[in-house]
Amino acid sequence: MKKDYKIAVIGGSAGSFNLVRRILESLPATFPLPVVLCLHRRRDFRNGFVESLNPGSSLKVVEPLDKDPIKKGYVYLAPSNYHLIVETGDTISLSTGEEENYSRPSIDLTFESAVEAYGEKMIAILLSGANSDGAKGIACTKRKGGLTIVQSPEDAPFDTMPREALKLFSPDRIMSCDEIISFLKSLK
């Protein structure tokens, strides 16, 4: 039975930037869901991500401001050194709260807030990374009915993050980057 998904949330760290670029380059302008990206980066690395992702993407990549609305046709990238929280009512909140798993933005917080807002209408995708941030958040997403996809550790440039998630739960799907792209392109 096909669900009427409302949002796709992607988390990643070391080794995930080029994967995200590939994913965004593959999505058509008619992609039916807004996309939220929570990617780890250095705190002082404030520029370059949006500028690197926008040219190849048919969707508009932005770093949102606090209380920005979430709309189809956009990719919302968590700003450097801010937690990105998805709120009920299709808005984004930014926070400089304490680091989680030595990270701000925290993938766990983004996944957990998004599933609170969207429940079973959410798709959560966890990509390559060199720490455990995101593992608890995607496991929470599964418990609350969201669709969970973990990149295959064998396909990930850094397999720690996917392996940490797989220690906690069994996701709905374990996929290579190419399979994730095919899945997302199949959404209508």
N, C-alpha and C. Protein backbone atom coordinates (compact mmCIF):
# COMPACT_ATOMS: atom_id res chain seq x y z
N MET A 1 0.84 -1.18 0.00
CA MET A 1 0.00 0.00 0.00
C MET A 1 0.89 1.25 0.00
N LYS A 2 0.66 2.12 -0.95
CA LYS A 2 1.48 3.33 -1.10
C LYS A 2 0.97 4.42 -0.17
N LYS A 3 1.90 5.02 0.57
CA LYS A 3 1.54 6.12 1.46
C LYS A 3 1.70 7.45 0.75
N ASP A 4 0.96 8.42 1.20
CA ASP A 4 1.04 9.76 0.65
C ASP A 4 2.10 10.54 1.43
N TYR A 5 3.37 10.35 1.06
CA TYR A 5 4.46 10.99 1.79
C TYR A 5 4.42 12.50 1.61
N LYS A 6 4.85 13.22 2.66
CA LYS A 6 4.80 14.68 2.65
C LYS A 6 6.17 15.34 2.75
N ILE A 7 7.22 14.56 3.14
CA ILE A 7 8.55 15.15 3.32
C ILE A 7 9.61 14.05 3.26
N ALA A 8 10.79 14.41 2.73
CA ALA A 8 11.95 13.52 2.75
C ALA A 8 13.04 14.22 3.55
N VAL A 9 13.61 13.53 4.53
CA VAL A 9 14.65 14.09 5.37
C VAL A 9 15.89 13.22 5.20
N ILE A 10 17.01 13.85 4.85
CA ILE A 10 18.26 13.14 4.59
C ILE A 10 19.32 13.62 5.56
N GLY A 11 19.98 12.67 6.22
CA GLY A 11 21.07 13.00 7.14
C GLY A 11 22.35 12.33 6.71
N GLY A 12 23.47 13.03 6.90
CA GLY A 12 24.75 12.44 6.55
C GLY A 12 25.90 13.25 7.13
N SER A 13 27.06 12.63 7.09
CA SER A 13 28.26 13.27 7.60
C SER A 13 29.39 12.96 6.63
N ALA A 14 30.52 12.53 7.15
CA ALA A 14 31.69 12.27 6.30
C ALA A 14 31.34 11.38 5.11
N GLY A 15 31.70 11.84 3.93
CA GLY A 15 31.46 11.07 2.71
C GLY A 15 30.09 11.24 2.11
N SER A 16 29.22 12.03 2.73
CA SER A 16 27.84 12.13 2.23
C SER A 16 27.62 13.27 1.24
N PHE A 17 28.48 14.28 1.22
CA PHE A 17 28.21 15.45 0.38
C PHE A 17 28.06 15.09 -1.10
N ASN A 18 28.99 14.31 -1.63
CA ASN A 18 28.90 13.93 -3.04
C ASN A 18 27.69 13.03 -3.31
N LEU A 19 27.31 12.22 -2.33
CA LEU A 19 26.11 11.39 -2.48
C LEU A 19 24.87 12.28 -2.56
N VAL A 20 24.81 13.28 -1.69
CA VAL A 20 23.68 14.21 -1.70
C VAL A 20 23.63 14.96 -3.03
N ARG A 21 24.78 15.38 -3.50
CA ARG A 21 24.82 16.07 -4.79
C ARG A 21 24.25 15.18 -5.89
N ARG A 22 24.65 13.90 -5.90
CA ARG A 22 24.12 12.95 -6.90
C ARG A 22 22.61 12.80 -6.77
N ILE A 23 22.13 12.69 -5.55
CA ILE A 23 20.69 12.54 -5.32
C ILE A 23 19.96 13.77 -5.85
N LEU A 24 20.40 14.96 -5.47
CA LEU A 24 19.71 16.18 -5.90
C LEU A 24 19.76 16.37 -7.41
N GLU A 25 20.89 16.03 -8.03
CA GLU A 25 21.00 16.16 -9.49
C GLU A 25 20.03 15.22 -10.21
N SER A 26 19.62 14.14 -9.56
CA SER A 26 18.74 13.17 -10.21
C SER A 26 17.26 13.51 -10.07
N LEU A 27 16.91 14.35 -9.11
CA LEU A 27 15.49 14.62 -8.86
C LEU A 27 14.96 15.66 -9.83
N PRO A 28 13.78 15.39 -10.40
CA PRO A 28 13.18 16.35 -11.34
C PRO A 28 12.58 17.54 -10.62
N ALA A 29 12.36 18.62 -11.35
CA ALA A 29 11.73 19.82 -10.79
C ALA A 29 10.33 19.50 -10.26
N THR A 30 9.74 18.43 -10.75
CA THR A 30 8.39 18.03 -10.33
C THR A 30 8.41 17.09 -9.12
N PHE A 31 9.59 16.91 -8.49
CA PHE A 31 9.65 16.02 -7.33
C PHE A 31 8.59 16.45 -6.32
N PRO A 32 7.76 15.52 -5.84
CA PRO A 32 6.56 15.90 -5.09
C PRO A 32 6.76 16.28 -3.62
N LEU A 33 7.97 16.15 -3.09
CA LEU A 33 8.17 16.39 -1.66
C LEU A 33 9.21 17.48 -1.40
N PRO A 34 9.03 18.26 -0.34
CA PRO A 34 10.13 19.08 0.11
C PRO A 34 11.20 18.15 0.69
N VAL A 35 12.45 18.60 0.63
CA VAL A 35 13.57 17.81 1.14
C VAL A 35 14.28 18.63 2.22
N VAL A 36 14.57 17.97 3.34
CA VAL A 36 15.35 18.60 4.41
C VAL A 36 16.67 17.86 4.48
N LEU A 37 17.77 18.60 4.46
CA LEU A 37 19.11 18.03 4.56
C LEU A 37 19.76 18.44 5.87
N CYS A 38 20.25 17.47 6.60
CA CYS A 38 21.03 17.74 7.80
C CYS A 38 22.39 17.09 7.59
N LEU A 39 23.36 17.91 7.24
CA LEU A 39 24.71 17.42 6.94
C LEU A 39 25.70 18.04 7.91
N HIS A 40 26.57 17.21 8.45
CA HIS A 40 27.61 17.75 9.33
C HIS A 40 28.63 18.53 8.50
N ARG A 41 29.10 19.61 9.07
CA ARG A 41 30.20 20.37 8.49
C ARG A 41 30.84 21.19 9.59
N ARG A 42 32.01 21.68 9.31
CA ARG A 42 32.71 22.48 10.32
C ARG A 42 31.90 23.72 10.65
N ARG A 43 31.95 24.12 11.92
CA ARG A 43 31.21 25.30 12.37
C ARG A 43 31.57 26.56 11.61
N ASP A 44 32.84 26.69 11.27
CA ASP A 44 33.28 27.91 10.60
C ASP A 44 33.13 27.84 9.08
N PHE A 45 32.57 26.75 8.59
CA PHE A 45 32.39 26.54 7.16
C PHE A 45 30.97 26.94 6.79
N ARG A 46 30.73 28.24 6.69
CA ARG A 46 29.37 28.75 6.51
C ARG A 46 28.93 28.86 5.05
N ASN A 47 29.87 28.96 4.14
CA ASN A 47 29.51 29.13 2.73
C ASN A 47 30.00 27.94 1.91
N GLY A 48 29.41 27.79 0.75
CA GLY A 48 29.90 26.79 -0.20
C GLY A 48 28.95 25.64 -0.43
N PHE A 49 28.23 25.19 0.60
CA PHE A 49 27.35 24.03 0.42
C PHE A 49 26.20 24.36 -0.53
N VAL A 50 25.46 25.42 -0.24
CA VAL A 50 24.33 25.80 -1.09
C VAL A 50 24.83 26.11 -2.50
N GLU A 51 25.93 26.86 -2.58
CA GLU A 51 26.48 27.24 -3.89
C GLU A 51 26.94 26.03 -4.68
N SER A 52 27.37 24.97 -4.01
CA SER A 52 27.82 23.75 -4.70
C SER A 52 26.65 22.85 -5.09
N LEU A 53 25.57 22.89 -4.33
CA LEU A 53 24.43 22.00 -4.60
C LEU A 53 23.44 22.58 -5.59
N ASN A 54 23.27 23.90 -5.60
CA ASN A 54 22.24 24.51 -6.45
C ASN A 54 22.43 24.33 -7.95
N PRO A 55 23.64 24.49 -8.50
CA PRO A 55 23.77 24.44 -9.96
C PRO A 55 23.25 23.16 -10.61
N GLY A 56 23.43 22.02 -9.97
CA GLY A 56 22.99 20.76 -10.58
C GLY A 56 21.61 20.31 -10.16
N SER A 57 20.97 21.05 -9.28
CA SER A 57 19.67 20.63 -8.75
C SER A 57 18.54 21.35 -9.45
N SER A 58 17.50 20.61 -9.80
CA SER A 58 16.28 21.22 -10.34
C SER A 58 15.42 21.82 -9.23
N LEU A 59 15.70 21.42 -7.99
CA LEU A 59 15.02 21.97 -6.83
C LEU A 59 15.88 23.11 -6.27
N LYS A 60 15.27 24.06 -5.63
CA LYS A 60 16.01 25.21 -5.08
C LYS A 60 16.56 24.83 -3.71
N VAL A 61 17.89 24.88 -3.57
CA VAL A 61 18.56 24.58 -2.31
C VAL A 61 18.75 25.89 -1.55
N VAL A 62 18.27 25.91 -0.28
CA VAL A 62 18.37 27.11 0.54
C VAL A 62 18.78 26.73 1.96
N GLU A 63 19.41 27.66 2.64
CA GLU A 63 19.59 27.57 4.09
C GLU A 63 18.45 28.38 4.67
N PRO A 64 17.52 27.73 5.35
CA PRO A 64 16.32 28.44 5.80
C PRO A 64 16.62 29.39 6.96
N LEU A 65 15.72 30.34 7.12
CA LEU A 65 15.71 31.21 8.29
C LEU A 65 14.71 30.63 9.29
N ASP A 66 14.82 31.04 10.53
CA ASP A 66 13.90 30.58 11.56
C ASP A 66 12.46 30.91 11.15
N LYS A 67 11.61 29.93 11.27
CA LYS A 67 10.16 30.03 10.97
C LYS A 67 9.85 30.07 9.48
N ASP A 68 10.80 29.75 8.62
CA ASP A 68 10.50 29.64 7.19
C ASP A 68 9.49 28.51 6.96
N PRO A 69 8.57 28.70 6.00
CA PRO A 69 7.64 27.63 5.66
C PRO A 69 8.35 26.54 4.84
N ILE A 70 7.86 25.33 4.95
CA ILE A 70 8.38 24.20 4.19
C ILE A 70 7.48 24.02 2.97
N LYS A 71 8.09 24.09 1.78
CA LYS A 71 7.30 24.02 0.54
C LYS A 71 7.93 23.03 -0.44
N LYS A 72 7.08 22.41 -1.23
CA LYS A 72 7.52 21.55 -2.32
C LYS A 72 8.37 22.36 -3.30
N GLY A 73 9.38 21.71 -3.88
CA GLY A 73 10.25 22.39 -4.83
C GLY A 73 11.51 22.93 -4.19
N TYR A 74 11.62 22.78 -2.85
CA TYR A 74 12.77 23.31 -2.12
C TYR A 74 13.51 22.20 -1.38
N VAL A 75 14.81 22.45 -1.22
CA VAL A 75 15.68 21.62 -0.38
C VAL A 75 16.19 22.54 0.72
N TYR A 76 15.92 22.18 1.97
CA TYR A 76 16.29 23.01 3.12
C TYR A 76 17.51 22.41 3.79
N LEU A 77 18.64 23.09 3.68
CA LEU A 77 19.90 22.63 4.23
C LEU A 77 20.12 23.26 5.60
N ALA A 78 20.33 22.43 6.62
CA ALA A 78 20.59 22.96 7.96
C ALA A 78 21.81 23.87 7.92
N PRO A 79 21.67 25.11 8.38
CA PRO A 79 22.82 26.02 8.38
C PRO A 79 23.92 25.53 9.32
N SER A 80 25.13 25.92 9.01
CA SER A 80 26.28 25.58 9.85
C SER A 80 26.05 26.07 11.28
N ASN A 81 26.28 25.16 12.24
CA ASN A 81 26.23 25.47 13.66
C ASN A 81 24.83 25.78 14.19
N TYR A 82 23.78 25.34 13.49
CA TYR A 82 22.40 25.46 13.95
C TYR A 82 21.72 24.11 13.86
N HIS A 83 20.93 23.76 14.88
CA HIS A 83 20.04 22.61 14.77
C HIS A 83 18.86 23.03 13.90
N LEU A 84 18.45 22.14 13.00
CA LEU A 84 17.26 22.38 12.18
C LEU A 84 16.15 21.50 12.74
N ILE A 85 15.09 22.13 13.20
CA ILE A 85 13.96 21.43 13.78
C ILE A 85 12.75 21.64 12.88
N VAL A 86 12.11 20.53 12.52
CA VAL A 86 10.91 20.58 11.69
C VAL A 86 9.72 20.68 12.64
N GLU A 87 8.87 21.66 12.41
CA GLU A 87 7.74 21.90 13.30
C GLU A 87 6.43 21.51 12.66
N THR A 88 5.47 21.16 13.51
CA THR A 88 4.10 20.93 13.04
C THR A 88 3.62 22.23 12.42
N GLY A 89 2.93 22.12 11.32
CA GLY A 89 2.47 23.31 10.62
C GLY A 89 3.38 23.69 9.48
N ASP A 90 4.28 22.76 9.07
CA ASP A 90 5.13 22.96 7.90
C ASP A 90 6.04 24.16 8.01
N THR A 91 6.72 24.30 9.15
CA THR A 91 7.70 25.35 9.30
C THR A 91 9.00 24.77 9.88
N ILE A 92 10.05 25.57 9.77
CA ILE A 92 11.37 25.19 10.27
C ILE A 92 11.74 26.11 11.42
N SER A 93 12.36 25.54 12.42
CA SER A 93 12.88 26.30 13.54
C SER A 93 14.39 26.05 13.60
N LEU A 94 15.14 27.08 13.89
CA LEU A 94 16.59 26.94 14.05
C LEU A 94 16.95 27.17 15.50
N SER A 95 17.95 26.42 15.97
CA SER A 95 18.34 26.51 17.38
C SER A 95 19.85 26.43 17.52
N THR A 96 20.36 27.16 18.49
CA THR A 96 21.78 27.04 18.85
C THR A 96 21.91 26.31 20.17
N GLY A 97 20.96 25.42 20.47
CA GLY A 97 20.99 24.64 21.69
C GLY A 97 22.25 23.77 21.76
N GLU A 98 22.41 23.09 22.87
CA GLU A 98 23.58 22.24 23.11
C GLU A 98 23.80 21.27 21.95
N GLU A 99 25.06 20.95 21.70
CA GLU A 99 25.39 19.94 20.70
C GLU A 99 24.83 18.59 21.12
N GLU A 100 24.45 17.81 20.14
CA GLU A 100 24.01 16.43 20.35
C GLU A 100 25.00 15.55 19.59
N ASN A 101 25.53 14.54 20.26
CA ASN A 101 26.53 13.66 19.63
C ASN A 101 27.68 14.49 19.05
N TYR A 102 28.09 15.52 19.78
CA TYR A 102 29.17 16.41 19.36
C TYR A 102 28.84 17.15 18.07
N SER A 103 27.56 17.29 17.76
CA SER A 103 27.17 17.87 16.48
C SER A 103 26.10 18.95 16.64
N ARG A 104 26.25 19.98 15.86
CA ARG A 104 25.22 21.00 15.66
C ARG A 104 25.42 21.50 14.24
N PRO A 105 24.59 21.07 13.30
CA PRO A 105 23.27 20.47 13.49
C PRO A 105 23.35 18.98 13.85
N SER A 106 22.33 18.56 14.57
CA SER A 106 22.21 17.15 14.95
C SER A 106 21.21 16.45 14.03
N ILE A 107 21.66 15.39 13.40
CA ILE A 107 20.77 14.60 12.54
C ILE A 107 19.67 13.97 13.39
N ASP A 108 20.04 13.48 14.59
CA ASP A 108 19.03 12.90 15.48
C ASP A 108 17.89 13.88 15.73
N LEU A 109 18.21 15.12 16.09
CA LEU A 109 17.17 16.12 16.38
C LEU A 109 16.30 16.40 15.15
N THR A 110 16.92 16.48 13.99
CA THR A 110 16.14 16.75 12.78
C THR A 110 15.18 15.60 12.48
N PHE A 111 15.68 14.35 12.52
CA PHE A 111 14.80 13.20 12.29
C PHE A 111 13.67 13.16 13.33
N GLU A 112 14.03 13.31 14.61
CA GLU A 112 13.03 13.20 15.68
C GLU A 112 11.95 14.28 15.56
N SER A 113 12.35 15.50 15.24
CA SER A 113 11.35 16.57 15.11
C SER A 113 10.48 16.35 13.88
N ALA A 114 11.08 15.89 12.79
CA ALA A 114 10.31 15.67 11.56
C ALA A 114 9.27 14.57 11.73
N VAL A 115 9.63 13.49 12.43
CA VAL A 115 8.65 12.42 12.60
C VAL A 115 7.54 12.85 13.56
N GLU A 116 7.86 13.74 14.52
CA GLU A 116 6.80 14.28 15.38
C GLU A 116 5.81 15.09 14.54
N ALA A 117 6.32 15.81 13.56
CA ALA A 117 5.46 16.67 12.72
C ALA A 117 4.73 15.89 11.63
N TYR A 118 5.39 14.87 11.06
CA TYR A 118 4.83 14.21 9.87
C TYR A 118 4.46 12.74 10.07
N GLY A 119 4.96 12.10 11.14
CA GLY A 119 4.62 10.70 11.39
C GLY A 119 4.88 9.81 10.21
N GLU A 120 3.90 9.00 9.85
CA GLU A 120 4.06 8.02 8.77
C GLU A 120 4.16 8.66 7.38
N LYS A 121 4.01 9.95 7.30
CA LYS A 121 4.12 10.66 6.02
C LYS A 121 5.55 11.11 5.73
N MET A 122 6.50 10.68 6.57
CA MET A 122 7.90 11.09 6.46
C MET A 122 8.75 9.96 5.89
N ILE A 123 9.72 10.32 5.06
CA ILE A 123 10.77 9.41 4.61
C ILE A 123 12.07 9.90 5.23
N ALA A 124 12.77 9.02 5.95
CA ALA A 124 14.06 9.34 6.55
C ALA A 124 15.14 8.52 5.87
N ILE A 125 16.21 9.20 5.46
CA ILE A 125 17.33 8.54 4.77
C ILE A 125 18.61 8.88 5.50
N LEU A 126 19.34 7.86 5.93
CA LEU A 126 20.62 8.06 6.62
C LEU A 126 21.75 7.58 5.72
N LEU A 127 22.68 8.49 5.45
CA LEU A 127 23.79 8.21 4.54
C LEU A 127 25.10 8.00 5.29
N SER A 128 26.17 8.04 4.56
CA SER A 128 27.53 7.86 5.04
C SER A 128 27.87 8.83 6.18
N GLY A 129 28.71 8.35 7.11
CA GLY A 129 29.18 9.21 8.18
C GLY A 129 30.14 8.47 9.08
N ALA A 130 30.91 9.23 9.83
CA ALA A 130 31.97 8.65 10.67
C ALA A 130 31.64 8.69 12.15
N ASN A 131 30.37 8.96 12.51
CA ASN A 131 29.98 8.89 13.92
C ASN A 131 28.58 8.31 14.02
N SER A 132 27.99 8.36 15.21
CA SER A 132 26.69 7.69 15.40
C SER A 132 25.50 8.64 15.32
N ASP A 133 25.71 9.94 15.10
CA ASP A 133 24.59 10.87 15.01
C ASP A 133 23.67 10.42 13.88
N GLY A 134 22.38 10.43 14.14
CA GLY A 134 21.40 9.99 13.15
C GLY A 134 20.84 8.61 13.44
N ALA A 135 21.62 7.76 14.10
CA ALA A 135 21.18 6.39 14.37
C ALA A 135 19.94 6.37 15.27
N LYS A 136 19.98 7.10 16.38
CA LYS A 136 18.83 7.12 17.29
C LYS A 136 17.63 7.81 16.64
N GLY A 137 17.89 8.87 15.89
CA GLY A 137 16.81 9.61 15.26
C GLY A 137 16.07 8.80 14.20
N ILE A 138 16.81 8.03 13.41
CA ILE A 138 16.15 7.23 12.38
C ILE A 138 15.44 6.03 13.01
N ALA A 139 15.99 5.50 14.11
CA ALA A 139 15.30 4.43 14.84
C ALA A 139 13.98 4.95 15.42
N CYS A 140 13.99 6.18 15.93
CA CYS A 140 12.77 6.82 16.43
C CYS A 140 11.75 6.99 15.30
N THR A 141 12.24 7.36 14.12
CA THR A 141 11.36 7.51 12.96
C THR A 141 10.65 6.20 12.65
N LYS A 142 11.38 5.11 12.70
CA LYS A 142 10.79 3.79 12.44
C LYS A 142 9.71 3.48 13.48
N ARG A 143 10.01 3.72 14.76
CA ARG A 143 9.03 3.43 15.83
C ARG A 143 7.75 4.24 15.66
N LYS A 144 7.87 5.44 15.09
CA LYS A 144 6.71 6.31 14.96
C LYS A 144 6.06 6.24 13.58
N GLY A 145 6.46 5.23 12.79
CA GLY A 145 5.74 4.95 11.55
C GLY A 145 6.30 5.54 10.27
N GLY A 146 7.38 6.33 10.34
CA GLY A 146 7.97 6.87 9.12
C GLY A 146 8.71 5.79 8.35
N LEU A 147 8.90 6.01 7.07
CA LEU A 147 9.66 5.08 6.23
C LEU A 147 11.14 5.34 6.44
N THR A 148 11.91 4.29 6.71
CA THR A 148 13.33 4.44 7.01
C THR A 148 14.20 3.74 5.98
N ILE A 149 15.20 4.47 5.49
CA ILE A 149 16.17 3.95 4.53
C ILE A 149 17.56 4.25 5.07
N VAL A 150 18.39 3.21 5.16
CA VAL A 150 19.77 3.37 5.59
C VAL A 150 20.65 2.97 4.42
N GLN A 151 21.63 3.81 4.12
CA GLN A 151 22.57 3.46 3.06
C GLN A 151 23.31 2.19 3.44
N SER A 152 23.47 1.31 2.49
CA SER A 152 24.21 0.08 2.72
C SER A 152 25.62 0.41 3.18
N PRO A 153 26.07 -0.14 4.31
CA PRO A 153 27.42 0.16 4.78
C PRO A 153 28.50 -0.14 3.73
N GLU A 154 28.27 -1.16 2.91
CA GLU A 154 29.23 -1.51 1.87
C GLU A 154 29.31 -0.45 0.78
N ASP A 155 28.26 0.34 0.64
CA ASP A 155 28.20 1.38 -0.39
C ASP A 155 28.66 2.74 0.15
N ALA A 156 28.71 2.88 1.47
CA ALA A 156 29.01 4.17 2.10
C ALA A 156 30.52 4.42 2.15
N PRO A 157 30.97 5.62 1.76
CA PRO A 157 32.39 5.94 1.89
C PRO A 157 32.90 5.81 3.33
N PHE A 158 32.05 6.17 4.31
CA PHE A 158 32.34 5.98 5.73
C PHE A 158 31.16 5.23 6.31
N ASP A 159 31.39 4.01 6.77
CA ASP A 159 30.28 3.13 7.13
C ASP A 159 29.84 3.20 8.60
N THR A 160 30.47 4.01 9.43
CA THR A 160 30.14 4.03 10.86
C THR A 160 28.68 4.41 11.10
N MET A 161 28.22 5.48 10.48
CA MET A 161 26.86 5.95 10.72
C MET A 161 25.81 4.91 10.31
N PRO A 162 25.88 4.35 9.10
CA PRO A 162 24.91 3.30 8.76
C PRO A 162 25.01 2.08 9.70
N ARG A 163 26.23 1.67 10.04
CA ARG A 163 26.38 0.50 10.93
C ARG A 163 25.81 0.76 12.32
N GLU A 164 25.99 1.98 12.84
CA GLU A 164 25.43 2.32 14.15
C GLU A 164 23.91 2.26 14.11
N ALA A 165 23.31 2.72 13.04
CA ALA A 165 21.85 2.64 12.90
C ALA A 165 21.40 1.19 12.85
N LEU A 166 22.10 0.37 12.09
CA LEU A 166 21.71 -1.04 11.95
C LEU A 166 21.87 -1.82 13.25
N LYS A 167 22.68 -1.33 14.18
CA LYS A 167 22.79 -1.96 15.50
C LYS A 167 21.53 -1.72 16.32
N LEU A 168 20.83 -0.62 16.04
CA LEU A 168 19.67 -0.23 16.85
C LEU A 168 18.34 -0.77 16.35
N PHE A 169 18.21 -0.98 15.03
CA PHE A 169 16.90 -1.38 14.49
C PHE A 169 17.07 -1.92 13.07
N SER A 170 15.97 -2.49 12.56
CA SER A 170 15.94 -2.96 11.17
C SER A 170 15.15 -1.95 10.34
N PRO A 171 15.83 -1.21 9.47
CA PRO A 171 15.13 -0.21 8.67
C PRO A 171 14.22 -0.88 7.63
N ASP A 172 13.34 -0.07 7.07
CA ASP A 172 12.46 -0.59 6.02
C ASP A 172 13.27 -1.03 4.80
N ARG A 173 14.34 -0.28 4.53
CA ARG A 173 15.17 -0.59 3.37
C ARG A 173 16.64 -0.27 3.66
N ILE A 174 17.53 -1.11 3.16
CA ILE A 174 18.96 -0.86 3.15
C ILE A 174 19.33 -0.79 1.69
N MET A 175 19.84 0.37 1.23
CA MET A 175 20.01 0.60 -0.20
C MET A 175 21.34 1.26 -0.51
N SER A 176 21.80 1.02 -1.72
CA SER A 176 22.95 1.77 -2.23
C SER A 176 22.47 3.17 -2.62
N CYS A 177 23.40 4.07 -2.89
CA CYS A 177 23.03 5.41 -3.33
C CYS A 177 22.20 5.34 -4.62
N ASP A 178 22.60 4.50 -5.55
CA ASP A 178 21.84 4.37 -6.81
C ASP A 178 20.42 3.88 -6.55
N GLU A 179 20.26 2.96 -5.60
CA GLU A 179 18.91 2.46 -5.27
C GLU A 179 18.09 3.54 -4.59
N ILE A 180 18.72 4.34 -3.74
CA ILE A 180 18.01 5.46 -3.10
C ILE A 180 17.52 6.44 -4.17
N ILE A 181 18.37 6.74 -5.13
CA ILE A 181 17.98 7.63 -6.23
C ILE A 181 16.79 7.05 -6.99
N SER A 182 16.86 5.78 -7.34
CA SER A 182 15.75 5.14 -8.07
C SER A 182 14.46 5.19 -7.26
N PHE A 183 14.56 4.91 -5.97
CA PHE A 183 13.37 4.96 -5.12
C PHE A 183 12.77 6.36 -5.11
N LEU A 184 13.58 7.38 -4.86
CA LEU A 184 13.06 8.74 -4.81
C LEU A 184 12.45 9.17 -6.14
N LYS A 185 13.09 8.79 -7.24
CA LYS A 185 12.55 9.16 -8.56
C LYS A 185 11.23 8.46 -8.85
N SER A 186 10.97 7.34 -8.16
CA SER A 186 9.72 6.61 -8.38
C SER A 186 8.53 7.25 -7.67
N LEU A 187 8.79 8.16 -6.77
CA LEU A 187 7.68 8.80 -6.03
C LEU A 187 6.91 9.72 -6.95
N LYS A 188 5.63 9.63 -6.91
CA LYS A 188 4.78 10.47 -7.76
C LYS A 188 3.87 11.32 -6.91
